[in-house]
N, C-alpha and C. Protein backbone atom coordinates (compact mmCIF):
# COMPACT_ATOMS: atom_id res chain seq x y z
N MET A 1 -78.85 -127.07 5.15
CA MET A 1 -77.42 -127.63 5.24
C MET A 1 -76.59 -126.83 6.11
N GLN A 2 -75.95 -127.84 6.85
CA GLN A 2 -74.87 -127.08 7.66
C GLN A 2 -73.43 -126.91 6.88
N HIS A 3 -73.07 -125.54 7.30
CA HIS A 3 -71.64 -125.32 6.63
C HIS A 3 -70.75 -125.85 7.34
N GLN A 4 -69.62 -126.24 6.86
CA GLN A 4 -68.54 -127.03 7.46
C GLN A 4 -67.91 -125.85 8.56
N GLY A 5 -67.65 -126.30 9.70
CA GLY A 5 -67.15 -125.22 10.80
C GLY A 5 -68.12 -124.31 11.32
N LEU A 6 -69.35 -124.04 10.87
CA LEU A 6 -70.18 -123.59 11.60
C LEU A 6 -70.88 -124.12 12.71
N LYS A 7 -71.07 -123.30 13.80
CA LYS A 7 -71.55 -124.11 14.90
C LYS A 7 -73.05 -124.08 14.91
N GLN A 8 -73.79 -125.34 15.58
CA GLN A 8 -75.22 -125.21 15.84
C GLN A 8 -75.50 -124.56 17.15
N ARG A 9 -76.83 -124.41 17.23
CA ARG A 9 -77.53 -123.74 18.47
C ARG A 9 -77.29 -124.33 19.54
N SER A 10 -76.98 -125.80 19.46
CA SER A 10 -76.81 -126.60 20.53
C SER A 10 -75.39 -126.65 21.23
N ASP A 11 -74.47 -125.92 20.38
CA ASP A 11 -73.07 -125.91 20.70
C ASP A 11 -72.72 -124.72 21.58
N ILE A 12 -71.68 -124.85 22.29
CA ILE A 12 -71.72 -123.89 23.50
C ILE A 12 -71.25 -122.52 23.01
N HIS A 13 -70.23 -122.71 21.81
CA HIS A 13 -69.97 -121.62 20.80
C HIS A 13 -69.01 -120.28 21.73
N LEU A 14 -68.05 -120.72 22.43
CA LEU A 14 -67.43 -119.99 23.33
C LEU A 14 -67.14 -118.68 22.55
N THR A 15 -66.56 -118.94 21.23
CA THR A 15 -65.94 -117.73 20.55
C THR A 15 -66.73 -116.67 20.39
N ARG A 16 -68.20 -116.96 20.08
CA ARG A 16 -69.30 -116.20 19.83
C ARG A 16 -69.83 -115.24 21.05
N LYS A 17 -69.67 -115.86 22.19
CA LYS A 17 -70.06 -115.75 23.64
C LYS A 17 -69.42 -114.35 23.78
N VAL A 18 -67.76 -115.03 23.82
CA VAL A 18 -66.65 -113.74 24.22
C VAL A 18 -66.95 -112.63 23.38
N ALA A 19 -66.83 -112.94 21.83
CA ALA A 19 -67.04 -111.69 21.15
C ALA A 19 -68.29 -110.84 21.41
N HIS A 20 -69.63 -111.44 21.58
CA HIS A 20 -70.82 -110.82 22.06
C HIS A 20 -70.60 -109.95 23.27
N CYS A 21 -69.90 -110.48 24.35
CA CYS A 21 -69.80 -109.80 25.64
C CYS A 21 -68.82 -108.54 25.55
N VAL A 22 -67.67 -108.83 24.75
CA VAL A 22 -66.77 -107.71 24.42
C VAL A 22 -67.47 -106.56 23.68
N GLY A 23 -67.90 -106.98 22.65
CA GLY A 23 -68.58 -105.82 21.94
C GLY A 23 -69.73 -105.13 22.30
N ILE A 24 -70.40 -105.76 23.36
CA ILE A 24 -71.44 -105.14 24.02
C ILE A 24 -71.17 -104.35 24.90
N CYS A 25 -69.88 -104.73 25.95
CA CYS A 25 -69.17 -104.01 26.92
C CYS A 25 -68.69 -102.58 26.04
N MET A 26 -68.13 -102.57 25.06
CA MET A 26 -67.42 -101.52 24.50
C MET A 26 -68.49 -100.55 24.13
N MET A 27 -70.02 -101.13 23.47
CA MET A 27 -71.12 -100.17 23.48
C MET A 27 -71.25 -99.49 24.63
N ALA A 28 -71.45 -100.25 25.94
CA ALA A 28 -71.63 -99.55 27.16
C ALA A 28 -70.61 -98.52 27.24
N ALA A 29 -69.41 -98.67 27.10
CA ALA A 29 -68.15 -97.80 27.35
C ALA A 29 -68.41 -96.61 26.47
N VAL A 30 -68.61 -96.96 25.23
CA VAL A 30 -68.84 -95.55 24.57
C VAL A 30 -69.92 -94.81 24.91
N PHE A 31 -71.28 -95.40 25.07
CA PHE A 31 -72.23 -94.61 25.37
C PHE A 31 -72.27 -93.64 26.76
N ASN A 32 -71.35 -94.44 27.76
CA ASN A 32 -71.17 -93.68 28.95
C ASN A 32 -70.02 -92.59 29.09
N LEU A 33 -69.11 -92.82 28.07
CA LEU A 33 -68.13 -92.04 27.96
C LEU A 33 -68.23 -90.73 27.08
N TRP A 34 -69.07 -91.19 25.70
CA TRP A 34 -69.05 -90.07 24.88
C TRP A 34 -70.61 -89.81 24.68
N GLY A 35 -71.58 -90.34 25.18
CA GLY A 35 -72.85 -90.06 25.09
C GLY A 35 -73.60 -90.69 23.92
N ALA A 36 -75.00 -90.43 24.07
CA ALA A 36 -75.87 -91.12 22.86
C ALA A 36 -75.73 -90.38 21.58
N GLN A 37 -75.16 -89.17 21.28
CA GLN A 37 -74.84 -88.76 19.68
C GLN A 37 -73.96 -89.74 19.30
N THR A 38 -72.89 -89.83 20.07
CA THR A 38 -71.20 -90.72 19.38
C THR A 38 -71.93 -92.15 19.17
N SER A 39 -72.56 -92.53 20.24
CA SER A 39 -73.14 -94.02 19.94
C SER A 39 -74.00 -94.14 18.87
N TRP A 40 -74.79 -93.34 18.60
CA TRP A 40 -75.87 -93.55 17.30
C TRP A 40 -75.01 -93.18 16.03
N VAL A 41 -74.00 -92.28 16.03
CA VAL A 41 -72.98 -92.33 14.89
C VAL A 41 -72.31 -93.76 14.70
N ILE A 42 -71.58 -94.20 15.72
CA ILE A 42 -71.07 -95.42 15.45
C ILE A 42 -71.85 -96.63 14.89
N LEU A 43 -73.05 -96.58 15.70
CA LEU A 43 -74.03 -97.76 15.72
C LEU A 43 -74.27 -97.62 14.10
N ILE A 44 -74.98 -96.40 13.72
CA ILE A 44 -75.49 -96.17 12.10
C ILE A 44 -74.32 -96.56 11.30
N LEU A 45 -72.77 -96.12 11.44
CA LEU A 45 -72.02 -96.58 10.51
C LEU A 45 -71.85 -98.09 10.33
N ALA A 46 -71.77 -98.70 11.34
CA ALA A 46 -71.44 -100.33 11.62
C ALA A 46 -72.67 -100.98 10.72
N SER A 47 -74.06 -100.32 11.25
CA SER A 47 -75.04 -100.82 10.45
C SER A 47 -75.09 -100.88 9.07
N LEU A 48 -74.83 -99.56 8.55
CA LEU A 48 -74.72 -99.57 6.95
C LEU A 48 -73.74 -100.34 6.50
N PHE A 49 -73.03 -100.99 7.12
CA PHE A 49 -71.84 -102.00 6.68
C PHE A 49 -72.73 -103.46 6.75
N ILE A 50 -72.98 -103.71 8.02
CA ILE A 50 -73.20 -105.31 8.37
C ILE A 50 -74.60 -105.56 7.63
N ILE A 51 -75.85 -104.73 7.72
CA ILE A 51 -76.94 -105.15 7.35
C ILE A 51 -77.18 -105.32 5.97
N PRO A 52 -76.99 -104.40 5.10
CA PRO A 52 -76.74 -104.50 3.71
C PRO A 52 -75.99 -105.84 3.34
N LEU A 53 -75.00 -105.98 3.79
CA LEU A 53 -74.28 -107.25 3.70
C LEU A 53 -74.78 -108.59 4.25
N ASP A 54 -75.70 -108.46 5.25
CA ASP A 54 -76.48 -109.52 5.55
C ASP A 54 -77.54 -109.89 4.54
N ILE A 55 -78.30 -108.78 4.25
CA ILE A 55 -79.10 -109.00 3.06
C ILE A 55 -78.82 -109.52 1.91
N LEU A 56 -77.75 -108.82 1.54
CA LEU A 56 -77.34 -108.94 -0.05
C LEU A 56 -76.69 -110.43 -0.26
N ARG A 57 -76.13 -111.12 0.86
CA ARG A 57 -75.48 -112.37 0.80
C ARG A 57 -76.42 -113.48 0.70
N GLN A 58 -77.48 -113.16 0.90
CA GLN A 58 -78.77 -114.22 0.95
C GLN A 58 -78.99 -114.40 -0.69
N LYS A 59 -78.72 -113.37 -1.55
CA LYS A 59 -79.00 -113.54 -2.70
C LYS A 59 -77.84 -113.60 -3.66
N MET A 60 -76.70 -113.74 -3.19
CA MET A 60 -75.27 -113.80 -3.89
C MET A 60 -74.25 -114.77 -3.13
N PRO A 61 -74.41 -115.93 -3.62
CA PRO A 61 -73.49 -116.84 -3.25
C PRO A 61 -72.16 -116.76 -3.13
N GLY A 62 -71.72 -115.93 -3.88
CA GLY A 62 -70.50 -115.65 -3.86
C GLY A 62 -69.99 -114.77 -2.74
N LEU A 63 -70.69 -113.82 -2.56
CA LEU A 63 -70.55 -112.87 -1.32
C LEU A 63 -70.74 -113.67 -0.11
N ASN A 64 -71.79 -114.57 -0.13
CA ASN A 64 -72.02 -115.43 1.09
C ASN A 64 -70.94 -116.32 1.23
N ARG A 65 -70.46 -116.78 0.56
CA ARG A 65 -68.97 -117.53 0.70
C ARG A 65 -68.06 -116.90 1.25
N THR A 66 -67.96 -115.76 0.76
CA THR A 66 -66.54 -114.79 1.48
C THR A 66 -67.03 -114.33 3.06
N THR A 67 -68.29 -114.18 3.17
CA THR A 67 -68.54 -113.61 4.69
C THR A 67 -68.64 -114.77 5.44
N LEU A 68 -68.72 -115.97 5.19
CA LEU A 68 -68.81 -117.09 5.62
C LEU A 68 -67.14 -117.56 6.12
N ARG A 69 -66.33 -117.31 5.13
CA ARG A 69 -64.94 -117.55 5.44
C ARG A 69 -64.51 -116.39 6.33
N ILE A 70 -64.82 -115.26 6.38
CA ILE A 70 -64.52 -114.35 7.12
C ILE A 70 -65.06 -114.26 8.73
N PHE A 71 -66.46 -114.46 8.76
CA PHE A 71 -67.21 -114.13 10.04
C PHE A 71 -67.37 -115.79 10.61
N GLY A 72 -67.31 -116.48 9.81
CA GLY A 72 -67.73 -118.06 9.93
C GLY A 72 -67.25 -118.37 11.67
N PRO A 73 -66.16 -118.12 12.21
CA PRO A 73 -65.93 -118.35 13.73
C PRO A 73 -67.08 -117.86 14.44
N PHE A 74 -67.67 -116.93 14.21
CA PHE A 74 -68.79 -116.13 15.13
C PHE A 74 -70.14 -116.46 14.62
N MET A 75 -70.28 -117.22 13.56
CA MET A 75 -71.73 -117.52 13.13
C MET A 75 -72.38 -118.77 13.40
N ARG A 76 -73.28 -119.07 13.37
CA ARG A 76 -74.17 -120.46 13.73
C ARG A 76 -74.62 -120.78 12.18
N SER A 77 -74.71 -122.16 12.29
CA SER A 77 -75.23 -122.86 10.88
C SER A 77 -76.42 -122.32 10.52
N HIS A 78 -77.45 -122.10 11.27
CA HIS A 78 -78.47 -121.30 10.57
C HIS A 78 -78.50 -120.03 9.94
N GLU A 79 -77.44 -119.45 10.33
CA GLU A 79 -77.06 -117.91 9.81
C GLU A 79 -76.56 -117.94 8.47
N ARG A 80 -76.37 -119.36 7.91
CA ARG A 80 -75.79 -119.61 6.88
C ARG A 80 -76.74 -118.85 5.80
N GLU A 81 -77.88 -119.21 5.78
CA GLU A 81 -78.78 -118.89 4.69
C GLU A 81 -80.02 -118.10 5.33
N HIS A 82 -79.81 -117.34 6.34
CA HIS A 82 -80.82 -116.64 7.02
C HIS A 82 -80.16 -115.18 7.87
N ILE A 83 -80.68 -114.30 8.09
CA ILE A 83 -80.33 -112.89 8.63
C ILE A 83 -79.65 -113.47 9.80
N SER A 84 -78.39 -112.91 10.21
CA SER A 84 -77.61 -113.23 11.29
C SER A 84 -77.99 -112.33 12.42
N GLY A 85 -77.59 -112.91 13.69
CA GLY A 85 -77.91 -112.34 15.06
C GLY A 85 -77.62 -111.15 15.02
N MET A 86 -76.21 -110.49 14.40
CA MET A 86 -75.63 -109.38 14.53
C MET A 86 -76.47 -108.19 13.87
N THR A 87 -77.39 -108.32 12.71
CA THR A 87 -78.28 -107.51 12.29
C THR A 87 -79.23 -107.34 13.10
N TYR A 88 -80.02 -108.25 14.05
CA TYR A 88 -80.85 -108.16 14.98
C TYR A 88 -80.48 -107.43 15.98
N LEU A 89 -79.09 -107.67 16.59
CA LEU A 89 -78.54 -107.00 17.79
C LEU A 89 -78.34 -105.40 17.46
N TYR A 90 -77.97 -105.04 16.26
CA TYR A 90 -77.91 -103.78 15.67
C TYR A 90 -79.26 -103.16 15.93
N LEU A 91 -79.92 -103.67 15.41
CA LEU A 91 -81.36 -102.97 15.34
C LEU A 91 -82.12 -102.99 16.76
N GLY A 92 -82.01 -103.94 17.65
CA GLY A 92 -82.46 -103.70 19.17
C GLY A 92 -81.62 -102.70 19.79
N CYS A 93 -80.41 -102.37 19.44
CA CYS A 93 -79.76 -101.44 20.27
C CYS A 93 -79.84 -100.21 19.55
N MET A 94 -80.54 -99.83 18.46
CA MET A 94 -81.13 -98.60 17.94
C MET A 94 -82.31 -98.50 18.55
N VAL A 95 -83.02 -99.35 18.89
CA VAL A 95 -84.47 -99.11 19.69
C VAL A 95 -83.82 -98.91 20.92
N LEU A 96 -83.02 -99.55 21.69
CA LEU A 96 -82.36 -99.23 23.22
C LEU A 96 -82.04 -97.79 23.45
N LEU A 97 -81.49 -97.32 22.40
CA LEU A 97 -80.89 -95.72 22.41
C LEU A 97 -82.22 -94.76 22.60
N LEU A 98 -83.14 -94.98 22.00
CA LEU A 98 -84.28 -94.13 21.93
C LEU A 98 -84.66 -93.99 23.44
N PHE A 99 -84.54 -95.05 24.34
CA PHE A 99 -84.74 -94.73 25.70
C PHE A 99 -83.79 -93.45 26.52
N ARG A 100 -82.70 -93.46 26.04
CA ARG A 100 -81.90 -92.27 26.27
C ARG A 100 -81.53 -92.11 27.70
N ASP A 101 -82.22 -92.56 28.68
CA ASP A 101 -81.87 -92.48 30.30
C ASP A 101 -80.56 -93.46 30.38
N ARG A 102 -79.55 -92.80 30.91
CA ARG A 102 -78.30 -93.52 30.72
C ARG A 102 -78.20 -94.72 31.76
N HIS A 103 -78.90 -94.75 32.87
CA HIS A 103 -79.14 -96.12 33.67
C HIS A 103 -79.57 -97.09 33.17
N ILE A 104 -80.74 -96.61 32.23
CA ILE A 104 -81.65 -98.11 31.74
C ILE A 104 -81.01 -98.35 30.54
N VAL A 105 -80.14 -97.82 29.64
CA VAL A 105 -79.47 -98.11 28.51
C VAL A 105 -78.40 -98.90 29.08
N THR A 106 -77.64 -98.51 30.01
CA THR A 106 -76.29 -99.03 30.41
C THR A 106 -76.76 -100.32 31.31
N LEU A 107 -77.59 -100.34 31.93
CA LEU A 107 -78.07 -101.76 32.63
C LEU A 107 -78.35 -102.96 31.86
N THR A 108 -79.22 -102.33 30.59
CA THR A 108 -79.61 -103.12 29.77
C THR A 108 -78.63 -103.66 28.83
N LEU A 109 -77.54 -102.97 28.57
CA LEU A 109 -76.43 -103.30 27.68
C LEU A 109 -75.45 -104.60 28.72
N LEU A 110 -75.56 -104.26 29.99
CA LEU A 110 -74.82 -105.11 30.84
C LEU A 110 -75.45 -106.54 31.04
N PHE A 111 -77.03 -106.40 30.98
CA PHE A 111 -77.75 -107.71 30.92
C PHE A 111 -77.38 -108.30 29.65
N LEU A 112 -77.45 -107.74 28.58
CA LEU A 112 -77.35 -108.27 27.18
C LEU A 112 -75.78 -108.78 27.13
N ALA A 113 -74.79 -108.12 27.56
CA ALA A 113 -73.58 -108.68 27.57
C ALA A 113 -73.12 -109.73 28.32
N PHE A 114 -73.78 -109.77 29.59
CA PHE A 114 -73.41 -111.09 30.67
C PHE A 114 -74.62 -111.89 30.55
N GLY A 115 -75.73 -111.52 30.82
CA GLY A 115 -76.99 -112.33 31.34
C GLY A 115 -77.35 -113.18 30.20
N ASP A 116 -77.30 -112.76 29.01
CA ASP A 116 -77.60 -113.39 27.86
C ASP A 116 -76.88 -114.59 27.42
N PRO A 117 -75.43 -114.49 27.46
CA PRO A 117 -74.48 -115.48 27.02
C PRO A 117 -74.26 -116.34 27.94
N ILE A 118 -74.47 -116.00 29.60
CA ILE A 118 -74.28 -117.01 30.58
C ILE A 118 -75.47 -117.82 30.59
N ALA A 119 -76.68 -117.42 30.19
CA ALA A 119 -77.98 -118.05 30.42
C ALA A 119 -77.85 -118.94 29.28
N SER A 120 -77.26 -118.95 28.17
CA SER A 120 -77.32 -119.68 27.06
C SER A 120 -76.29 -120.76 27.38
N PHE A 121 -75.04 -120.39 27.94
CA PHE A 121 -74.15 -121.51 28.41
C PHE A 121 -74.52 -122.52 29.48
N PHE A 122 -75.18 -122.11 30.56
CA PHE A 122 -76.00 -123.02 31.39
C PHE A 122 -76.92 -123.65 30.78
N GLY A 123 -77.84 -123.02 29.91
CA GLY A 123 -78.85 -123.86 29.23
C GLY A 123 -78.34 -124.91 28.47
N ILE A 124 -77.13 -124.65 27.55
CA ILE A 124 -76.59 -125.73 26.85
C ILE A 124 -76.08 -126.73 27.59
N ARG A 125 -75.17 -126.25 28.57
CA ARG A 125 -74.43 -127.21 29.42
C ARG A 125 -74.89 -127.99 30.44
N PHE A 126 -76.09 -127.58 31.21
CA PHE A 126 -76.73 -128.22 32.23
C PHE A 126 -78.42 -128.22 32.28
N GLY A 127 -78.89 -127.53 31.12
CA GLY A 127 -80.16 -127.60 30.86
C GLY A 127 -80.74 -128.99 30.68
N LYS A 128 -81.77 -129.19 31.76
CA LYS A 128 -82.35 -130.34 31.53
C LYS A 128 -83.93 -130.26 31.43
N ASP A 129 -84.63 -128.97 32.04
CA ASP A 129 -86.08 -128.98 32.09
C ASP A 129 -86.28 -127.71 31.13
N ARG A 130 -86.93 -128.14 30.22
CA ARG A 130 -87.35 -126.84 29.17
C ARG A 130 -88.50 -126.19 29.41
N ILE A 131 -88.69 -124.89 29.23
CA ILE A 131 -89.83 -124.13 29.75
C ILE A 131 -90.49 -123.76 28.35
N ILE A 132 -89.66 -123.11 27.45
CA ILE A 132 -90.29 -122.72 26.33
C ILE A 132 -89.41 -122.76 25.20
N GLY A 133 -89.80 -123.59 24.12
CA GLY A 133 -88.87 -123.83 23.02
C GLY A 133 -87.66 -124.43 23.43
N ARG A 134 -86.21 -124.00 23.03
CA ARG A 134 -85.07 -124.43 23.48
C ARG A 134 -84.75 -123.76 25.04
N LYS A 135 -85.48 -122.74 25.45
CA LYS A 135 -85.06 -122.37 26.70
C LYS A 135 -85.18 -123.27 28.06
N THR A 136 -84.47 -123.26 28.77
CA THR A 136 -84.57 -124.28 30.04
C THR A 136 -84.80 -123.32 31.12
N LEU A 137 -84.89 -124.26 32.21
CA LEU A 137 -84.91 -123.55 33.66
C LEU A 137 -83.68 -123.35 34.18
N GLN A 138 -82.76 -124.13 33.66
CA GLN A 138 -81.45 -124.03 34.27
C GLN A 138 -80.63 -122.92 33.71
N GLY A 139 -81.00 -122.44 32.46
CA GLY A 139 -80.44 -121.16 31.69
C GLY A 139 -81.24 -119.86 32.09
N THR A 140 -82.58 -120.10 32.56
CA THR A 140 -83.34 -118.96 32.78
C THR A 140 -82.75 -118.43 34.36
N MET A 141 -82.59 -119.62 35.22
CA MET A 141 -82.06 -119.36 36.52
C MET A 141 -80.75 -118.44 36.69
N ALA A 142 -79.90 -118.96 35.66
CA ALA A 142 -78.46 -118.52 35.43
C ALA A 142 -78.60 -116.76 34.89
N ALA A 143 -79.54 -116.42 34.01
CA ALA A 143 -79.91 -115.32 33.65
C ALA A 143 -80.25 -114.27 34.94
N PHE A 144 -81.17 -115.13 35.67
CA PHE A 144 -81.82 -114.45 36.82
C PHE A 144 -80.82 -114.02 37.78
N ALA A 145 -79.81 -114.88 38.25
CA ALA A 145 -78.70 -114.76 39.02
C ALA A 145 -77.77 -113.65 38.64
N VAL A 146 -77.46 -113.64 37.23
CA VAL A 146 -76.42 -112.72 36.73
C VAL A 146 -76.88 -111.51 36.56
N CYS A 147 -78.12 -111.22 36.40
CA CYS A 147 -78.77 -110.01 36.24
C CYS A 147 -79.22 -109.28 37.60
N ALA A 148 -79.35 -110.12 38.31
CA ALA A 148 -79.78 -109.59 39.89
C ALA A 148 -78.57 -109.10 40.46
N ILE A 149 -77.25 -109.77 40.34
CA ILE A 149 -75.94 -109.09 40.86
C ILE A 149 -75.63 -108.05 40.08
N ILE A 150 -75.72 -108.15 38.94
CA ILE A 150 -75.58 -106.99 37.93
C ILE A 150 -76.24 -105.39 38.50
N THR A 151 -77.62 -105.91 38.65
CA THR A 151 -78.32 -104.85 39.11
C THR A 151 -77.88 -104.14 40.41
N ALA A 152 -77.60 -105.06 41.63
CA ALA A 152 -77.30 -104.85 42.61
C ALA A 152 -75.91 -103.97 42.80
N VAL A 153 -75.01 -104.63 41.95
CA VAL A 153 -73.51 -104.01 42.07
C VAL A 153 -73.84 -102.29 41.36
N TYR A 154 -74.51 -102.59 40.14
CA TYR A 154 -74.65 -101.12 39.48
C TYR A 154 -75.11 -100.04 40.14
N CYS A 155 -76.41 -100.36 41.10
CA CYS A 155 -77.23 -99.50 41.82
C CYS A 155 -76.20 -99.13 42.99
N TYR A 156 -75.63 -99.74 43.54
CA TYR A 156 -74.89 -99.63 44.65
C TYR A 156 -73.56 -98.56 44.55
N PHE A 157 -72.95 -98.99 43.36
CA PHE A 157 -71.76 -97.91 42.85
C PHE A 157 -72.32 -96.54 42.50
N ASN A 158 -73.70 -96.70 41.73
CA ASN A 158 -74.07 -95.43 41.26
C ASN A 158 -75.13 -94.86 42.25
N ASN A 159 -75.36 -95.13 43.51
CA ASN A 159 -76.20 -94.87 44.63
C ASN A 159 -77.52 -94.69 43.99
N ILE A 160 -78.14 -95.67 43.39
CA ILE A 160 -79.40 -95.43 42.82
C ILE A 160 -80.24 -96.61 43.76
N MET A 161 -81.43 -96.01 44.24
CA MET A 161 -82.23 -97.18 44.93
C MET A 161 -81.55 -97.99 45.85
N THR A 162 -80.52 -97.48 46.44
CA THR A 162 -79.75 -98.35 47.40
C THR A 162 -80.56 -98.83 48.73
N GLU A 163 -81.54 -97.94 49.17
CA GLU A 163 -82.16 -98.17 50.39
C GLU A 163 -83.31 -99.30 50.10
N ARG A 164 -83.62 -99.65 48.56
CA ARG A 164 -84.44 -100.58 48.12
C ARG A 164 -83.88 -101.77 47.38
N LEU A 165 -82.60 -102.05 47.71
CA LEU A 165 -81.59 -102.86 47.00
C LEU A 165 -82.03 -104.29 47.20
N LEU A 166 -82.47 -104.52 48.25
CA LEU A 166 -83.00 -106.01 48.42
C LEU A 166 -84.17 -106.47 47.66
N ILE A 167 -84.93 -105.13 47.21
CA ILE A 167 -86.11 -105.55 46.45
C ILE A 167 -85.82 -105.44 45.09
N VAL A 168 -85.10 -104.19 44.61
CA VAL A 168 -84.70 -104.03 43.33
C VAL A 168 -83.73 -104.93 42.76
N ALA A 169 -82.92 -105.37 43.25
CA ALA A 169 -81.69 -106.47 42.62
C ALA A 169 -82.58 -107.58 42.28
N PRO A 170 -83.39 -108.27 42.94
CA PRO A 170 -84.05 -109.54 42.35
C PRO A 170 -85.23 -109.19 41.37
N LEU A 171 -85.86 -108.08 41.47
CA LEU A 171 -86.66 -107.50 40.48
C LEU A 171 -85.70 -107.35 39.14
N GLY A 172 -84.54 -106.95 39.10
CA GLY A 172 -83.80 -106.75 38.12
C GLY A 172 -83.55 -108.27 37.61
N GLY A 173 -83.12 -109.01 38.22
CA GLY A 173 -82.75 -110.57 37.80
C GLY A 173 -83.99 -110.78 37.20
N LEU A 174 -85.27 -110.58 37.87
CA LEU A 174 -86.43 -111.24 37.24
C LEU A 174 -86.60 -110.49 35.72
N ILE A 175 -86.30 -109.31 35.53
CA ILE A 175 -86.43 -108.72 34.19
C ILE A 175 -85.58 -109.40 33.34
N GLY A 176 -84.28 -109.59 33.64
CA GLY A 176 -83.20 -110.21 32.67
C GLY A 176 -83.73 -111.50 32.41
N ALA A 177 -84.10 -112.38 33.40
CA ALA A 177 -84.54 -113.78 33.02
C ALA A 177 -85.88 -113.73 32.04
N LEU A 178 -86.90 -112.85 32.20
CA LEU A 178 -88.01 -112.84 31.78
C LEU A 178 -87.43 -112.28 29.87
N ALA A 179 -86.49 -111.36 30.01
CA ALA A 179 -86.09 -110.95 28.71
C ALA A 179 -85.70 -111.94 27.77
N GLU A 180 -84.45 -112.88 28.42
CA GLU A 180 -84.11 -113.92 27.97
C GLU A 180 -84.97 -114.85 27.44
N LEU A 181 -86.16 -115.14 28.17
CA LEU A 181 -87.12 -116.18 28.29
C LEU A 181 -88.22 -115.94 27.13
N ALA A 182 -88.55 -114.63 26.97
CA ALA A 182 -89.83 -114.64 26.33
C ALA A 182 -89.68 -114.55 25.02
N PRO A 183 -90.50 -115.52 24.14
CA PRO A 183 -90.74 -115.75 22.83
C PRO A 183 -91.46 -114.50 22.31
N ILE A 184 -91.19 -113.76 21.22
CA ILE A 184 -91.87 -112.69 20.67
C ILE A 184 -92.02 -113.30 18.80
N GLY A 185 -93.12 -114.11 18.58
CA GLY A 185 -93.15 -114.51 16.92
C GLY A 185 -91.51 -115.23 16.70
N LYS A 186 -91.29 -114.73 15.69
CA LYS A 186 -90.06 -115.46 15.27
C LYS A 186 -88.82 -114.38 15.25
N LEU A 187 -88.95 -113.40 16.14
CA LEU A 187 -87.98 -112.44 16.24
C LEU A 187 -86.60 -113.04 17.15
N ASP A 188 -85.68 -112.44 16.62
CA ASP A 188 -84.24 -113.04 17.16
C ASP A 188 -84.04 -112.66 18.85
N ASP A 189 -83.79 -113.01 19.53
CA ASP A 189 -83.50 -112.74 21.10
C ASP A 189 -82.39 -111.46 21.16
N ASN A 190 -81.62 -111.40 20.23
CA ASN A 190 -80.72 -110.29 20.10
C ASN A 190 -81.50 -108.93 19.73
N PHE A 191 -82.61 -109.27 19.35
CA PHE A 191 -83.51 -107.91 19.27
C PHE A 191 -84.42 -107.84 20.39
N THR A 192 -85.04 -108.85 20.95
CA THR A 192 -86.12 -108.78 21.67
C THR A 192 -85.57 -108.59 23.27
N PHE A 193 -84.39 -109.20 23.60
CA PHE A 193 -83.79 -109.02 24.76
C PHE A 193 -83.49 -107.42 25.20
N PRO A 194 -82.81 -106.89 24.57
CA PRO A 194 -82.68 -105.25 24.96
C PRO A 194 -84.17 -104.55 24.89
N VAL A 195 -84.99 -104.59 23.91
CA VAL A 195 -86.21 -104.11 23.91
C VAL A 195 -87.05 -104.34 25.38
N ILE A 196 -87.17 -105.68 25.46
CA ILE A 196 -88.12 -106.07 26.69
C ILE A 196 -87.35 -105.59 27.84
N SER A 197 -86.02 -105.86 28.08
CA SER A 197 -85.43 -105.40 29.44
C SER A 197 -85.61 -103.82 29.59
N ALA A 198 -85.38 -103.12 28.53
CA ALA A 198 -85.40 -101.56 28.73
C ALA A 198 -86.75 -101.17 29.08
N LEU A 199 -87.75 -101.79 28.33
CA LEU A 199 -89.25 -101.42 29.07
C LEU A 199 -89.54 -101.82 30.20
N LEU A 200 -88.95 -102.99 30.63
CA LEU A 200 -89.27 -103.39 32.20
C LEU A 200 -88.59 -102.81 33.36
N LEU A 201 -87.18 -102.22 32.74
CA LEU A 201 -86.39 -101.52 33.79
C LEU A 201 -86.86 -100.19 33.78
N SER A 202 -87.42 -99.58 32.78
CA SER A 202 -88.29 -98.21 32.69
C SER A 202 -89.20 -98.47 33.93
N ALA A 203 -90.03 -99.39 33.91
CA ALA A 203 -91.31 -99.68 34.74
C ALA A 203 -90.48 -99.65 36.39
N LEU A 204 -89.44 -100.55 36.24
CA LEU A 204 -89.13 -100.53 37.49
C LEU A 204 -88.27 -99.11 38.29
N PHE A 205 -87.66 -98.49 37.22
CA PHE A 205 -87.05 -97.27 37.72
C PHE A 205 -88.20 -96.15 38.12
N PHE A 206 -89.19 -96.23 37.43
CA PHE A 206 -90.42 -95.52 37.61
C PHE A 206 -91.06 -95.70 38.75
N VAL A 207 -90.97 -97.08 39.28
CA VAL A 207 -91.72 -97.30 40.65
C VAL A 207 -91.15 -96.98 41.65
N PHE A 208 -89.66 -97.38 41.66
CA PHE A 208 -88.74 -97.47 43.03
C PHE A 208 -87.81 -96.17 43.11
N SER A 209 -87.48 -95.56 41.78
CA SER A 209 -86.55 -94.29 42.04
C SER A 209 -87.34 -93.22 42.45
N THR A 210 -86.77 -92.55 43.27
CA THR A 210 -87.34 -91.19 44.11
C THR A 210 -86.78 -90.10 43.63
N GLY A 211 -85.53 -90.08 42.71
CA GLY A 211 -84.90 -89.03 42.33
C GLY A 211 -84.51 -89.03 40.79
N PRO A 212 -83.93 -88.16 40.24
CA PRO A 212 -83.64 -88.32 38.68
C PRO A 212 -82.80 -89.38 38.38
N VAL A 213 -82.86 -89.80 37.41
CA VAL A 213 -81.93 -91.29 36.82
C VAL A 213 -81.35 -90.69 35.63
């Protein structure tokens, strides 16, 4: 049953995408300015509120109605009676922080902030050729382009693997595209995207980085 005012997966849902981008960029800023320890504290405190609320509202209709009234502009219709993407996002970011490496964590967060929502936008707006499930060739190519640009700009300004940039940037784009595309059971891509990106970026840095990262 669709809740009035909640968006479908097939809707562009610009409010959700902007909030997603801003929230992830803030995570990246906190991580780079104050480090992993502060990031852990903030993430755990936020999770202690969001995750129990997300679970309890499934069993308490009154709490669910209140939650939908407050967070409805950022939610999709399927989240009315299911765990929201926010819970999966926090869990994915907790796994991501275990990687500890500043560049891998930051690049993954930038992929998540820009690559994922832009891929979704292009997939919904221009997607014609389906690849896997709801994923389209057009959305995947958008993720590739955005993540390749992010990789090139980030590596250039941080003086990382600059002599191999013409190889590393497209591989970064491929990593973002694969992370956005790859289905893992019924897991939400807010969880799988950062985990897959961080794993593949770790391999990329291991192969191409010649110095400490």
